[in-house]
Amino acid sequence: MAKKEELDPETLALIHWCIEVEGFLVAGGATQAQAQEHIEEQVEWFTDQFYDGLTPEEAAKEALA
């Protein structure tokens, strides 16, 4: 019986961080669909911002700039 694959804590933290970024993008004027699409299209950039220590709000501001 295969064990259900679990995400490691770091991956979970990144996912939750991106969800927070999405909220700030929406607050900045994007629709939820636009915010999700942008994060998906720019996932490497957002991942870099996460590992560089930016807050979700800072990353959203950079993305909206």
C-alpha atoms as a PDB file:
ATOM      1  CA  MET A   1       0.000   0.000   0.000  1.00  0.00           C
ATOM      2  CA  ALA A   2       1.542   3.283  -1.108  1.00  0.00           C
ATOM      3  CA  LYS A   3       1.875   5.987   1.497  1.00  0.00           C
ATOM      4  CA  LYS A   4       0.200   9.247   0.544  1.00  0.00           C
ATOM      5  CA  GLU A   5       2.885  11.632  -0.637  1.00  0.00           C
ATOM      6  CA  GLU A   6       3.320  14.490   1.795  1.00  0.00           C
ATOM      7  CA  LEU A   7       4.807  17.864   1.018  1.00  0.00           C
ATOM      8  CA  ASP A   8       7.839  18.853   3.023  1.00  0.00           C
ATOM      9  CA  PRO A   9       7.483  21.811   5.417  1.00  0.00           C
ATOM     10  CA  GLU A  10       9.478  24.117   3.126  1.00  0.00           C
ATOM     11  CA  THR A  11       7.207  23.414   0.147  1.00  0.00           C
ATOM     12  CA  LEU A  12       4.126  23.941   2.310  1.00  0.00           C
ATOM     13  CA  ALA A  13       5.567  27.247   3.529  1.00  0.00           C
ATOM     14  CA  LEU A  14       6.142  28.356  -0.087  1.00  0.00           C
ATOM     15  CA  ILE A  15       2.571  27.419  -1.058  1.00  0.00           C
ATOM     16  CA  HIS A  16       1.112  29.362   1.879  1.00  0.00           C
ATOM     17  CA  TRP A  17       3.402  32.308   1.077  1.00  0.00           C
ATOM     18  CA  CYS A  18       2.127  32.343  -2.529  1.00  0.00           C
ATOM     19  CA  ILE A  19      -1.475  32.284  -1.285  1.00  0.00           C
ATOM     20  CA  GLU A  20      -0.683  35.379   0.790  1.00  0.00           C
ATOM     21  CA  VAL A  21       0.981  37.049  -2.223  1.00  0.00           C
ATOM     22  CA  GLU A  22      -2.172  36.345  -4.224  1.00  0.00           C
ATOM     23  CA  GLY A  23      -4.206  38.252  -1.630  1.00  0.00           C
ATOM     24  CA  PHE A  24      -1.922  41.281  -1.898  1.00  0.00           C
ATOM     25  CA  LEU A  25      -2.080  41.164  -5.715  1.00  0.00           C
ATOM     26  CA  VAL A  26      -5.880  41.170  -5.506  1.00  0.00           C
ATOM     27  CA  ALA A  27      -5.751  44.051  -3.012  1.00  0.00           C
ATOM     28  CA  GLY A  28      -3.533  45.855  -5.545  1.00  0.00           C
ATOM     29  CA  GLY A  29      -6.206  45.655  -8.227  1.00  0.00           C
ATOM     30  CA  ALA A  30      -5.807  42.253  -9.887  1.00  0.00           C
ATOM     31  CA  THR A  31      -8.670  39.788 -10.080  1.00  0.00           C
ATOM     32  CA  GLN A  32      -8.130  36.503  -8.253  1.00  0.00           C
ATOM     33  CA  ALA A  33      -7.812  34.723 -11.624  1.00  0.00           C
ATOM     34  CA  GLN A  34      -5.212  37.260 -12.821  1.00  0.00           C
ATOM     35  CA  ALA A  35      -3.265  36.907  -9.577  1.00  0.00           C
ATOM     36  CA  GLN A  36      -3.241  33.105  -9.777  1.00  0.00           C
ATOM     37  CA  GLU A  37      -2.225  33.161 -13.443  1.00  0.00           C
ATOM     38  CA  HIS A  38       0.587  35.621 -12.769  1.00  0.00           C
ATOM     39  CA  ILE A  39       1.975  33.544  -9.908  1.00  0.00           C
ATOM     40  CA  GLU A  40       1.801  30.392 -12.053  1.00  0.00           C
ATOM     41  CA  GLU A  41       3.522  32.103 -14.999  1.00  0.00           C
ATOM     42  CA  GLN A  42       6.201  33.660 -12.798  1.00  0.00           C
ATOM     43  CA  VAL A  43       6.598  30.800 -10.306  1.00  0.00           C
ATOM     44  CA  GLU A  44      10.415  30.786 -10.520  1.00  0.00           C
ATOM     45  CA  TRP A  45      10.600  34.531  -9.825  1.00  0.00           C
ATOM     46  CA  PHE A  46       8.205  34.239  -6.873  1.00  0.00           C
ATOM     47  CA  THR A  47      10.141  31.239  -5.536  1.00  0.00           C
ATOM     48  CA  ASP A  48      13.328  33.326  -5.653  1.00  0.00           C
ATOM     49  CA  GLN A  49      11.591  36.125  -3.737  1.00  0.00           C
ATOM     50  CA  PHE A  50      10.460  33.602  -1.114  1.00  0.00           C
ATOM     51  CA  TYR A  51      14.001  32.288  -0.619  1.00  0.00           C
ATOM     52  CA  ASP A  52      15.379  35.847  -0.636  1.00  0.00           C
ATOM     53  CA  GLY A  53      13.210  36.490   2.408  1.00  0.00           C
ATOM     54  CA  LEU A  54      10.694  38.950   0.993  1.00  0.00           C
ATOM     55  CA  THR A  55       7.351  39.125   2.730  1.00  0.00           C
ATOM     56  CA  PRO A  56       4.294  38.289   0.631  1.00  0.00           C
ATOM     57  CA  GLU A  57       3.395  41.985   0.629  1.00  0.00           C
ATOM     58  CA  GLU A  58       6.879  43.013  -0.587  1.00  0.00           C
ATOM     59  CA  ALA A  59       6.792  40.406  -3.363  1.00  0.00           C
ATOM     60  CA  ALA A  60       3.347  41.586  -4.478  1.00  0.00           C
ATOM     61  CA  LYS A  61       4.528  45.209  -4.546  1.00  0.00           C
ATOM     62  CA  GLU A  62       7.520  44.186  -6.682  1.00  0.00           C
ATOM     63  CA  ALA A  63       5.252  42.218  -9.014  1.00  0.00           C
ATOM     64  CA  LEU A  64       2.852  45.166  -9.382  1.00  0.00           C
ATOM     65  CA  ALA A  65       5.639  47.719  -9.927  1.00  0.00           C
END
